């Protein structure tokens, strides 16, 4: 039996089987008309900067233009922590030229309070109101102090069963639930699933403290599960999109593509096209 989900997967996989040059054009043309139907979603589609670890900023923005995505979570390899005022201004000017907005910085790993200070200072100088971070448990109260001092939100990223600090969204929530409400979660749905969790149910359960999320699918709900194109994994993406709407999520949904990272264009295009197609088909 052919379901709507199977139809979407087959259509997008068919596009992905065409030449690499034709993929971006096909998505840019079809997605634009598809997403013009119905009421706009409250959430924004972005890309996590880590997806471009092997590419400079110009190359990264070129990929974003090809897949018609306009929000970027900024990583330090594109904008170093010690960037000057002039360098930050030039960075934002380049993003603007490409119709891209940098909405957050990180993920930033910290092991000292000085590094936490630097992370908040960096976010303030860059001009964003959200830090994606991975602090030590002992520093959570200090992070909460900083969110109040700077009025900048801080979202902790979960990294699956290998992560002794934050394997799942629940592990983060249990540590922050009584802290300042500007401390929240960057929900990595793929790593959450690899920890044996139901990512759709967990998004609903912890949605009030989820400030950002990484779109990602995985091959198995175990430590050995690997990341894959968004429509090819075990997470039910249509159900996930419906949950985003149900809880009225207004943050960013940023694809973090970690497969074929030295040649990611086809996988990014397939994943973005699939997500946009699901959004349209489930309205």
C-alpha atoms as a PDB file:
ATOM      1  CA  UNK A   1       0.000   0.000   0.000  1.00  0.00           C
ATOM      2  CA  UNK A   2       1.342   3.412  -0.945  1.00  0.00           C
ATOM      3  CA  UNK A   3       1.073   5.921   1.892  1.00  0.00           C
ATOM      4  CA  UNK A   4       1.570   9.653   1.673  1.00  0.00           C
ATOM      5  CA  UNK A   5       4.877   9.223   3.484  1.00  0.00           C
ATOM      6  CA  UNK A   6       6.052   6.601   0.985  1.00  0.00           C
ATOM      7  CA  UNK A   7       5.011   8.845  -1.879  1.00  0.00           C
ATOM      8  CA  UNK A   8       7.046  11.733  -0.499  1.00  0.00           C
ATOM      9  CA  UNK A   9      10.054   9.512   0.075  1.00  0.00           C
ATOM     10  CA  UNK A  10       9.935   8.044  -3.410  1.00  0.00           C
ATOM     11  CA  UNK A  11       9.579  11.442  -5.044  1.00  0.00           C
ATOM     12  CA  UNK A  12      12.476  12.941  -3.177  1.00  0.00           C
ATOM     13  CA  UNK A  13      14.699   9.917  -3.565  1.00  0.00           C
ATOM     14  CA  UNK A  14      13.983  10.081  -7.269  1.00  0.00           C
ATOM     15  CA  UNK A  15      15.193  13.648  -7.377  1.00  0.00           C
ATOM     16  CA  UNK A  16      18.280  12.661  -5.423  1.00  0.00           C
ATOM     17  CA  UNK A  17      19.139  10.057  -8.032  1.00  0.00           C
ATOM     18  CA  UNK A  18      19.534  12.751 -10.702  1.00  0.00           C
ATOM     19  CA  UNK A  19      22.841  14.481 -11.296  1.00  0.00           C
ATOM     20  CA  UNK A  20      24.346  16.535  -8.481  1.00  0.00           C
ATOM     21  CA  UNK A  21      24.032  19.694 -10.533  1.00  0.00           C
ATOM     22  CA  UNK A  22      20.321  19.232 -11.142  1.00  0.00           C
ATOM     23  CA  UNK A  23      19.330  18.510  -7.535  1.00  0.00           C
ATOM     24  CA  UNK A  24      19.510  22.055  -6.125  1.00  0.00           C
ATOM     25  CA  UNK A  25      17.631  23.531  -9.074  1.00  0.00           C
ATOM     26  CA  UNK A  26      14.881  20.957  -8.828  1.00  0.00           C
ATOM     27  CA  UNK A  27      14.353  21.594  -5.128  1.00  0.00           C
ATOM     28  CA  UNK A  28      14.579  25.364  -5.357  1.00  0.00           C
ATOM     29  CA  UNK A  29      11.930  25.406  -8.077  1.00  0.00           C
ATOM     30  CA  UNK A  30       9.449  22.905  -6.666  1.00  0.00           C
ATOM     31  CA  UNK A  31       9.729  23.762  -2.971  1.00  0.00           C
ATOM     32  CA  UNK A  32       9.052  27.442  -3.550  1.00  0.00           C
ATOM     33  CA  UNK A  33       5.676  26.726  -5.145  1.00  0.00           C
ATOM     34  CA  UNK A  34       4.848  23.933  -2.687  1.00  0.00           C
ATOM     35  CA  UNK A  35       5.387  26.034   0.418  1.00  0.00           C
ATOM     36  CA  UNK A  36       3.263  28.877  -0.917  1.00  0.00           C
ATOM     37  CA  UNK A  37       0.144  26.789  -0.187  1.00  0.00           C
ATOM     38  CA  UNK A  38      -1.710  27.058   3.100  1.00  0.00           C
ATOM     39  CA  UNK A  39      -0.951  28.910   6.320  1.00  0.00           C
ATOM     40  CA  UNK A  40       2.765  29.513   7.010  1.00  0.00           C
ATOM     41  CA  UNK A  41       4.233  27.441   9.822  1.00  0.00           C
ATOM     42  CA  UNK A  42       5.342  29.266  12.992  1.00  0.00           C
ATOM     43  CA  UNK A  43       8.753  27.570  13.001  1.00  0.00           C
ATOM     44  CA  UNK A  44      11.717  28.531  10.812  1.00  0.00           C
ATOM     45  CA  UNK A  45      13.802  26.152   8.732  1.00  0.00           C
ATOM     46  CA  UNK A  46      17.549  26.561   9.143  1.00  0.00           C
ATOM     47  CA  UNK A  47      20.850  24.733   8.944  1.00  0.00           C
ATOM     48  CA  UNK A  48      23.175  24.030  11.856  1.00  0.00           C
ATOM     49  CA  UNK A  49      26.608  25.449  11.071  1.00  0.00           C
ATOM     50  CA  UNK A  50      28.331  22.181  11.992  1.00  0.00           C
ATOM     51  CA  UNK A  51      26.940  20.728   8.760  1.00  0.00           C
ATOM     52  CA  UNK A  52      29.511  22.900   6.952  1.00  0.00           C
ATOM     53  CA  UNK A  53      32.597  22.021   8.989  1.00  0.00           C
ATOM     54  CA  UNK A  54      34.532  21.262   5.798  1.00  0.00           C
ATOM     55  CA  UNK A  55      33.451  24.417   3.962  1.00  0.00           C
ATOM     56  CA  UNK A  56      34.256  28.092   4.260  1.00  0.00           C
ATOM     57  CA  UNK A  57      31.506  30.660   4.668  1.00  0.00           C
ATOM     58  CA  UNK A  58      31.170  31.470   0.958  1.00  0.00           C
ATOM     59  CA  UNK A  59      30.841  27.795   0.071  1.00  0.00           C
ATOM     60  CA  UNK A  60      28.323  27.249   2.877  1.00  0.00           C
ATOM     61  CA  UNK A  61      26.159  30.163   1.799  1.00  0.00           C
ATOM     62  CA  UNK A  62      26.239  28.886  -1.774  1.00  0.00           C
ATOM     63  CA  UNK A  63      24.800  25.559  -0.582  1.00  0.00           C
ATOM     64  CA  UNK A  64      22.142  27.350   1.477  1.00  0.00           C
ATOM     65  CA  UNK A  65      21.115  29.382  -1.544  1.00  0.00           C
ATOM     66  CA  UNK A  66      20.767  26.254  -3.663  1.00  0.00           C
ATOM     67  CA  UNK A  67      18.424  24.609  -1.156  1.00  0.00           C
ATOM     68  CA  UNK A  68      16.545  27.849  -0.378  1.00  0.00           C
ATOM     69  CA  UNK A  69      17.226  28.013   3.382  1.00  0.00           C
ATOM     70  CA  UNK A  70      17.714  31.365   5.130  1.00  0.00           C
ATOM     71  CA  UNK A  71      18.636  30.752   8.785  1.00  0.00           C
ATOM     72  CA  UNK A  72      22.038  29.657  10.080  1.00  0.00           C
ATOM     73  CA  UNK A  73      23.274  28.663  13.526  1.00  0.00           C
ATOM     74  CA  UNK A  74      26.770  30.189  13.587  1.00  0.00           C
ATOM     75  CA  UNK A  75      29.844  28.106  14.327  1.00  0.00           C
ATOM     76  CA  UNK A  76      33.185  29.543  15.352  1.00  0.00           C
ATOM     77  CA  UNK A  77      35.002  28.133  12.314  1.00  0.00           C
ATOM     78  CA  UNK A  78      32.989  30.655  10.271  1.00  0.00           C
ATOM     79  CA  UNK A  79      33.130  33.453  12.841  1.00  0.00           C
ATOM     80  CA  UNK A  80      35.950  32.980  15.395  1.00  0.00           C
ATOM     81  CA  UNK A  81      35.312  33.782  19.061  1.00  0.00           C
ATOM     82  CA  UNK A  82      37.891  36.580  19.013  1.00  0.00           C
ATOM     83  CA  UNK A  83      36.423  38.327  15.965  1.00  0.00           C
ATOM     84  CA  UNK A  84      36.611  42.115  16.016  1.00  0.00           C
ATOM     85  CA  UNK A  85      33.658  44.460  15.669  1.00  0.00           C
ATOM     86  CA  UNK A  86      34.638  45.024  12.053  1.00  0.00           C
ATOM     87  CA  UNK A  87      34.901  41.293  11.331  1.00  0.00           C
ATOM     88  CA  UNK A  88      31.498  40.627  12.874  1.00  0.00           C
ATOM     89  CA  UNK A  89      29.947  43.441  10.832  1.00  0.00           C
ATOM     90  CA  UNK A  90      31.497  42.061   7.641  1.00  0.00           C
ATOM     91  CA  UNK A  91      30.215  38.580   8.505  1.00  0.00           C
ATOM     92  CA  UNK A  92      26.639  39.828   8.924  1.00  0.00           C
ATOM     93  CA  UNK A  93      26.907  41.877   5.739  1.00  0.00           C
ATOM     94  CA  UNK A  94      27.883  38.768   3.805  1.00  0.00           C
ATOM     95  CA  UNK A  95      24.963  36.838   5.296  1.00  0.00           C
ATOM     96  CA  UNK A  96      22.586  39.649   4.363  1.00  0.00           C
ATOM     97  CA  UNK A  97      23.876  39.676   0.786  1.00  0.00           C
ATOM     98  CA  UNK A  98      22.876  36.023   0.612  1.00  0.00           C
ATOM     99  CA  UNK A  99      19.504  36.516   2.323  1.00  0.00           C
ATOM    100  CA  UNK A 100      20.624  34.549   5.387  1.00  0.00           C
ATOM    101  CA  UNK A 101      20.163  35.428   9.065  1.00  0.00           C
ATOM    102  CA  UNK A 102      22.459  34.112  11.790  1.00  0.00           C
ATOM    103  CA  UNK A 103      20.060  33.358  14.644  1.00  0.00           C
ATOM    104  CA  UNK A 104      22.289  31.698  17.298  1.00  0.00           C
ATOM    105  CA  UNK A 105      25.856  30.659  18.086  1.00  0.00           C
ATOM    106  CA  UNK A 106      27.165  27.214  18.916  1.00  0.00           C
ATOM    107  CA  UNK A 107      27.260  24.528  20.004  1.00  0.00           C
ATOM    108  CA  UNK A 108      29.954  25.784  22.372  1.00  0.00           C
ATOM    109  CA  UNK A 109      31.615  23.332  24.768  1.00  0.00           C
ATOM    110  CA  UNK A 110      32.731  24.819  28.080  1.00  0.00           C
ATOM    111  CA  UNK A 111      34.736  23.387  30.954  1.00  0.00           C
ATOM    112  CA  UNK A 112      35.353  26.543  32.996  1.00  0.00           C
ATOM    113  CA  UNK A 113      33.338  29.547  34.093  1.00  0.00           C
ATOM    114  CA  UNK A 114      35.689  31.771  32.125  1.00  0.00           C
ATOM    115  CA  UNK A 115      34.691  29.888  28.972  1.00  0.00           C
ATOM    116  CA  UNK A 116      31.027  30.407  29.871  1.00  0.00           C
ATOM    117  CA  UNK A 117      31.693  34.137  30.286  1.00  0.00           C
ATOM    118  CA  UNK A 118      33.369  34.164  26.882  1.00  0.00           C
ATOM    119  CA  UNK A 119      30.446  32.349  25.268  1.00  0.00           C
ATOM    120  CA  UNK A 120      27.916  34.910  26.490  1.00  0.00           C
ATOM    121  CA  UNK A 121      30.195  37.784  25.547  1.00  0.00           C
ATOM    122  CA  UNK A 122      30.599  36.281  22.084  1.00  0.00           C
ATOM    123  CA  UNK A 123      26.835  35.980  21.623  1.00  0.00           C
ATOM    124  CA  UNK A 124      26.337  39.577  22.721  1.00  0.00           C
ATOM    125  CA  UNK A 125      28.982  40.875  20.313  1.00  0.00           C
ATOM    126  CA  UNK A 126      27.594  38.783  17.458  1.00  0.00           C
ATOM    127  CA  UNK A 127      24.136  40.170  18.215  1.00  0.00           C
ATOM    128  CA  UNK A 128      22.139  36.982  18.799  1.00  0.00           C
ATOM    129  CA  UNK A 129      19.914  36.091  21.742  1.00  0.00           C
ATOM    130  CA  UNK A 130      20.620  32.368  21.869  1.00  0.00           C
ATOM    131  CA  UNK A 131      23.679  30.297  22.800  1.00  0.00           C
ATOM    132  CA  UNK A 132      23.742  26.562  22.075  1.00  0.00           C
ATOM    133  CA  UNK A 133      26.030  25.058  24.680  1.00  0.00           C
ATOM    134  CA  UNK A 134      27.329  22.032  26.532  1.00  0.00           C
ATOM    135  CA  UNK A 135      28.335  23.062  30.075  1.00  0.00           C
ATOM    136  CA  UNK A 136      29.397  20.873  32.987  1.00  0.00           C
ATOM    137  CA  UNK A 137      26.646  19.958  35.454  1.00  0.00           C
ATOM    138  CA  UNK A 138      28.401  21.874  38.218  1.00  0.00           C
ATOM    139  CA  UNK A 139      28.222  25.061  36.148  1.00  0.00           C
ATOM    140  CA  UNK A 140      24.481  25.062  35.459  1.00  0.00           C
ATOM    141  CA  UNK A 141      23.666  27.508  38.263  1.00  0.00           C
ATOM    142  CA  UNK A 142      26.350  29.815  36.897  1.00  0.00           C
ATOM    143  CA  UNK A 143      24.901  29.555  33.390  1.00  0.00           C
ATOM    144  CA  UNK A 144      21.520  30.507  34.825  1.00  0.00           C
ATOM    145  CA  UNK A 145      23.093  33.599  36.396  1.00  0.00           C
ATOM    146  CA  UNK A 146      24.501  34.557  33.016  1.00  0.00           C
ATOM    147  CA  UNK A 147      21.163  34.175  31.242  1.00  0.00           C
ATOM    148  CA  UNK A 148      19.738  36.724  33.682  1.00  0.00           C
ATOM    149  CA  UNK A 149      22.729  39.054  33.426  1.00  0.00           C
ATOM    150  CA  UNK A 150      22.771  39.114  29.611  1.00  0.00           C
ATOM    151  CA  UNK A 151      19.089  38.330  28.956  1.00  0.00           C
ATOM    152  CA  UNK A 152      20.354  35.783  26.454  1.00  0.00           C
ATOM    153  CA  UNK A 153      18.821  32.320  26.271  1.00  0.00           C
ATOM    154  CA  UNK A 154      20.998  29.231  26.592  1.00  0.00           C
ATOM    155  CA  UNK A 155      20.003  25.884  25.057  1.00  0.00           C
ATOM    156  CA  UNK A 156      21.832  22.705  26.077  1.00  0.00           C
ATOM    157  CA  UNK A 157      22.445  20.174  23.314  1.00  0.00           C
ATOM    158  CA  UNK A 158      21.929  16.428  23.875  1.00  0.00           C
ATOM    159  CA  UNK A 159      24.333  14.029  22.159  1.00  0.00           C
ATOM    160  CA  UNK A 160      22.982  10.520  22.633  1.00  0.00           C
ATOM    161  CA  UNK A 161      24.059   7.488  24.674  1.00  0.00           C
ATOM    162  CA  UNK A 162      27.800   8.188  24.422  1.00  0.00           C
ATOM    163  CA  UNK A 163      27.272  11.565  26.119  1.00  0.00           C
ATOM    164  CA  UNK A 164      27.699  11.138  29.871  1.00  0.00           C
ATOM    165  CA  UNK A 165      26.467  14.690  30.501  1.00  0.00           C
ATOM    166  CA  UNK A 166      23.349  15.043  28.343  1.00  0.00           C
ATOM    167  CA  UNK A 167      22.292  11.888  26.449  1.00  0.00           C
ATOM    168  CA  UNK A 168      18.643  12.936  26.000  1.00  0.00           C
ATOM    169  CA  UNK A 169      16.242  15.835  26.318  1.00  0.00           C
ATOM    170  CA  UNK A 170      14.929  14.337  29.565  1.00  0.00           C
ATOM    171  CA  UNK A 171      18.408  14.308  31.087  1.00  0.00           C
ATOM    172  CA  UNK A 172      18.688  18.035  30.373  1.00  0.00           C
ATOM    173  CA  UNK A 173      15.201  18.885  31.575  1.00  0.00           C
ATOM    174  CA  UNK A 174      15.655  17.134  34.913  1.00  0.00           C
ATOM    175  CA  UNK A 175      18.710  19.326  35.588  1.00  0.00           C
ATOM    176  CA  UNK A 176      17.278  22.681  34.456  1.00  0.00           C
ATOM    177  CA  UNK A 177      13.574  22.509  35.303  1.00  0.00           C
ATOM    178  CA  UNK A 178      14.004  24.607  38.448  1.00  0.00           C
ATOM    179  CA  UNK A 179      16.508  27.064  36.950  1.00  0.00           C
ATOM    180  CA  UNK A 180      15.886  30.359  35.169  1.00  0.00           C
ATOM    181  CA  UNK A 181      13.466  29.808  32.297  1.00  0.00           C
ATOM    182  CA  UNK A 182      15.983  31.263  29.833  1.00  0.00           C
ATOM    183  CA  UNK A 183      17.961  28.037  30.216  1.00  0.00           C
ATOM    184  CA  UNK A 184      16.523  25.361  27.910  1.00  0.00           C
ATOM    185  CA  UNK A 185      17.189  22.628  25.392  1.00  0.00           C
ATOM    186  CA  UNK A 186      18.605  22.385  21.886  1.00  0.00           C
ATOM    187  CA  UNK A 187      16.723  19.222  21.002  1.00  0.00           C
ATOM    188  CA  UNK A 188      18.714  16.881  18.783  1.00  0.00           C
ATOM    189  CA  UNK A 189      15.938  14.533  17.724  1.00  0.00           C
ATOM    190  CA  UNK A 190      18.339  12.016  16.175  1.00  0.00           C
ATOM    191  CA  UNK A 191      20.633  11.614  19.157  1.00  0.00           C
ATOM    192  CA  UNK A 192      17.568  11.525  21.404  1.00  0.00           C
ATOM    193  CA  UNK A 193      16.261   8.589  19.371  1.00  0.00           C
ATOM    194  CA  UNK A 194      19.645   6.845  19.559  1.00  0.00           C
ATOM    195  CA  UNK A 195      19.255   6.978  23.337  1.00  0.00           C
ATOM    196  CA  UNK A 196      16.154   4.806  22.948  1.00  0.00           C
ATOM    197  CA  UNK A 197      13.690   7.653  23.332  1.00  0.00           C
ATOM    198  CA  UNK A 198      10.525   8.555  21.398  1.00  0.00           C
ATOM    199  CA  UNK A 199      11.555  11.881  19.873  1.00  0.00           C
ATOM    200  CA  UNK A 200       8.010  12.899  18.892  1.00  0.00           C
ATOM    201  CA  UNK A 201       6.658  12.287  22.406  1.00  0.00           C
ATOM    202  CA  UNK A 202       9.694  13.902  24.037  1.00  0.00           C
ATOM    203  CA  UNK A 203       9.324  17.019  21.936  1.00  0.00           C
ATOM    204  CA  UNK A 204       5.783  17.410  23.212  1.00  0.00           C
ATOM    205  CA  UNK A 205       6.783  16.661  26.800  1.00  0.00           C
ATOM    206  CA  UNK A 206       9.626  19.190  26.958  1.00  0.00           C
ATOM    207  CA  UNK A 207       8.494  21.691  24.314  1.00  0.00           C
ATOM    208  CA  UNK A 208       8.164  24.631  26.714  1.00  0.00           C
ATOM    209  CA  UNK A 209      11.904  24.478  27.355  1.00  0.00           C
ATOM    210  CA  UNK A 210      12.995  23.679  23.792  1.00  0.00           C
ATOM    211  CA  UNK A 211      14.493  26.808  22.218  1.00  0.00           C
ATOM    212  CA  UNK A 212      16.156  25.241  19.200  1.00  0.00           C
ATOM    213  CA  UNK A 213      16.268  21.863  17.528  1.00  0.00           C
ATOM    214  CA  UNK A 214      18.446  19.882  15.140  1.00  0.00           C
ATOM    215  CA  UNK A 215      16.577  18.100  12.391  1.00  0.00           C
ATOM    216  CA  UNK A 216      18.166  14.702  12.044  1.00  0.00           C
ATOM    217  CA  UNK A 217      17.121  11.141  11.337  1.00  0.00           C
ATOM    218  CA  UNK A 218      18.912   7.940  12.308  1.00  0.00           C
ATOM    219  CA  UNK A 219      19.036   4.336  11.188  1.00  0.00           C
ATOM    220  CA  UNK A 220      18.402   2.733  14.603  1.00  0.00           C
ATOM    221  CA  UNK A 221      17.263   3.608  18.124  1.00  0.00           C
ATOM    222  CA  UNK A 222      20.559   2.414  19.564  1.00  0.00           C
ATOM    223  CA  UNK A 223      24.084   3.638  20.142  1.00  0.00           C
ATOM    224  CA  UNK A 224      25.038   2.119  16.792  1.00  0.00           C
ATOM    225  CA  UNK A 225      22.397   4.067  14.878  1.00  0.00           C
ATOM    226  CA  UNK A 226      23.937   6.428  12.345  1.00  0.00           C
ATOM    227  CA  UNK A 227      22.615   9.681  10.943  1.00  0.00           C
ATOM    228  CA  UNK A 228      21.044   9.628   7.506  1.00  0.00           C
ATOM    229  CA  UNK A 229      18.959  11.669   5.112  1.00  0.00           C
ATOM    230  CA  UNK A 230      15.853  12.990   6.828  1.00  0.00           C
ATOM    231  CA  UNK A 231      13.360  10.815   4.967  1.00  0.00           C
ATOM    232  CA  UNK A 232      15.285   7.549   5.232  1.00  0.00           C
ATOM    233  CA  UNK A 233      15.485   6.957   8.995  1.00  0.00           C
ATOM    234  CA  UNK A 234      13.233   5.519  11.679  1.00  0.00           C
ATOM    235  CA  UNK A 235      11.835   8.775  13.096  1.00  0.00           C
ATOM    236  CA  UNK A 236       8.355   9.518  11.748  1.00  0.00           C
ATOM    237  CA  UNK A 237       8.932  12.976  10.272  1.00  0.00           C
ATOM    238  CA  UNK A 238       5.267  13.672   9.343  1.00  0.00           C
ATOM    239  CA  UNK A 239       4.258  12.911  12.952  1.00  0.00           C
ATOM    240  CA  UNK A 240       7.073  15.145  14.152  1.00  0.00           C
ATOM    241  CA  UNK A 241       5.929  18.067  11.975  1.00  0.00           C
ATOM    242  CA  UNK A 242       2.388  17.662  13.271  1.00  0.00           C
ATOM    243  CA  UNK A 243       3.732  17.791  16.824  1.00  0.00           C
ATOM    244  CA  UNK A 244       5.652  21.004  16.068  1.00  0.00           C
ATOM    245  CA  UNK A 245       2.349  22.566  15.077  1.00  0.00           C
ATOM    246  CA  UNK A 246       0.415  21.052  17.972  1.00  0.00           C
ATOM    247  CA  UNK A 247       2.686  22.676  20.565  1.00  0.00           C
ATOM    248  CA  UNK A 248       3.002  25.866  18.453  1.00  0.00           C
ATOM    249  CA  UNK A 249       6.780  25.678  18.303  1.00  0.00           C
ATOM    250  CA  UNK A 250       8.140  29.028  17.109  1.00  0.00           C
ATOM    251  CA  UNK A 251      11.880  28.364  17.145  1.00  0.00           C
ATOM    252  CA  UNK A 252      14.186  27.147  14.416  1.00  0.00           C
ATOM    253  CA  UNK A 253      14.325  23.654  12.947  1.00  0.00           C
ATOM    254  CA  UNK A 254      17.916  23.425  11.791  1.00  0.00           C
ATOM    255  CA  UNK A 255      19.083  20.510   9.713  1.00  0.00           C
ATOM    256  CA  UNK A 256      22.309  19.109  11.125  1.00  0.00           C
ATOM    257  CA  UNK A 257      23.595  16.910   8.333  1.00  0.00           C
ATOM    258  CA  UNK A 258      26.435  14.646   9.453  1.00  0.00           C
ATOM    259  CA  UNK A 259      26.564  12.089   6.642  1.00  0.00           C
ATOM    260  CA  UNK A 260      28.974  12.562   3.732  1.00  0.00           C
ATOM    261  CA  UNK A 261      30.242  15.745   5.361  1.00  0.00           C
ATOM    262  CA  UNK A 262      32.903  16.328   2.734  1.00  0.00           C
ATOM    263  CA  UNK A 263      30.321  16.124  -0.047  1.00  0.00           C
ATOM    264  CA  UNK A 264      26.965  16.922   1.606  1.00  0.00           C
ATOM    265  CA  UNK A 265      25.065  18.806  -1.095  1.00  0.00           C
ATOM    266  CA  UNK A 266      22.915  15.921  -2.358  1.00  0.00           C
ATOM    267  CA  UNK A 267      22.014  14.776   1.173  1.00  0.00           C
ATOM    268  CA  UNK A 268      21.240  18.281   2.380  1.00  0.00           C
ATOM    269  CA  UNK A 269      19.090  18.959  -0.684  1.00  0.00           C
ATOM    270  CA  UNK A 270      17.221  15.674  -0.266  1.00  0.00           C
ATOM    271  CA  UNK A 271      16.626  16.283   3.450  1.00  0.00           C
ATOM    272  CA  UNK A 272      15.494  19.897   3.039  1.00  0.00           C
ATOM    273  CA  UNK A 273      13.249  18.952   0.132  1.00  0.00           C
ATOM    274  CA  UNK A 274      11.730  16.104   2.106  1.00  0.00           C
ATOM    275  CA  UNK A 275      11.042  18.307   5.136  1.00  0.00           C
ATOM    276  CA  UNK A 276       9.414  21.019   3.017  1.00  0.00           C
ATOM    277  CA  UNK A 277       7.371  18.418   1.187  1.00  0.00           C
ATOM    278  CA  UNK A 278       6.168  16.904   4.462  1.00  0.00           C
ATOM    279  CA  UNK A 279       5.240  20.351   5.787  1.00  0.00           C
ATOM    280  CA  UNK A 280       3.131  20.998   2.701  1.00  0.00           C
ATOM    281  CA  UNK A 281       1.536  17.527   2.561  1.00  0.00           C
ATOM    282  CA  UNK A 282       0.501  17.564   6.234  1.00  0.00           C
ATOM    283  CA  UNK A 283      -1.188  20.976   6.276  1.00  0.00           C
END
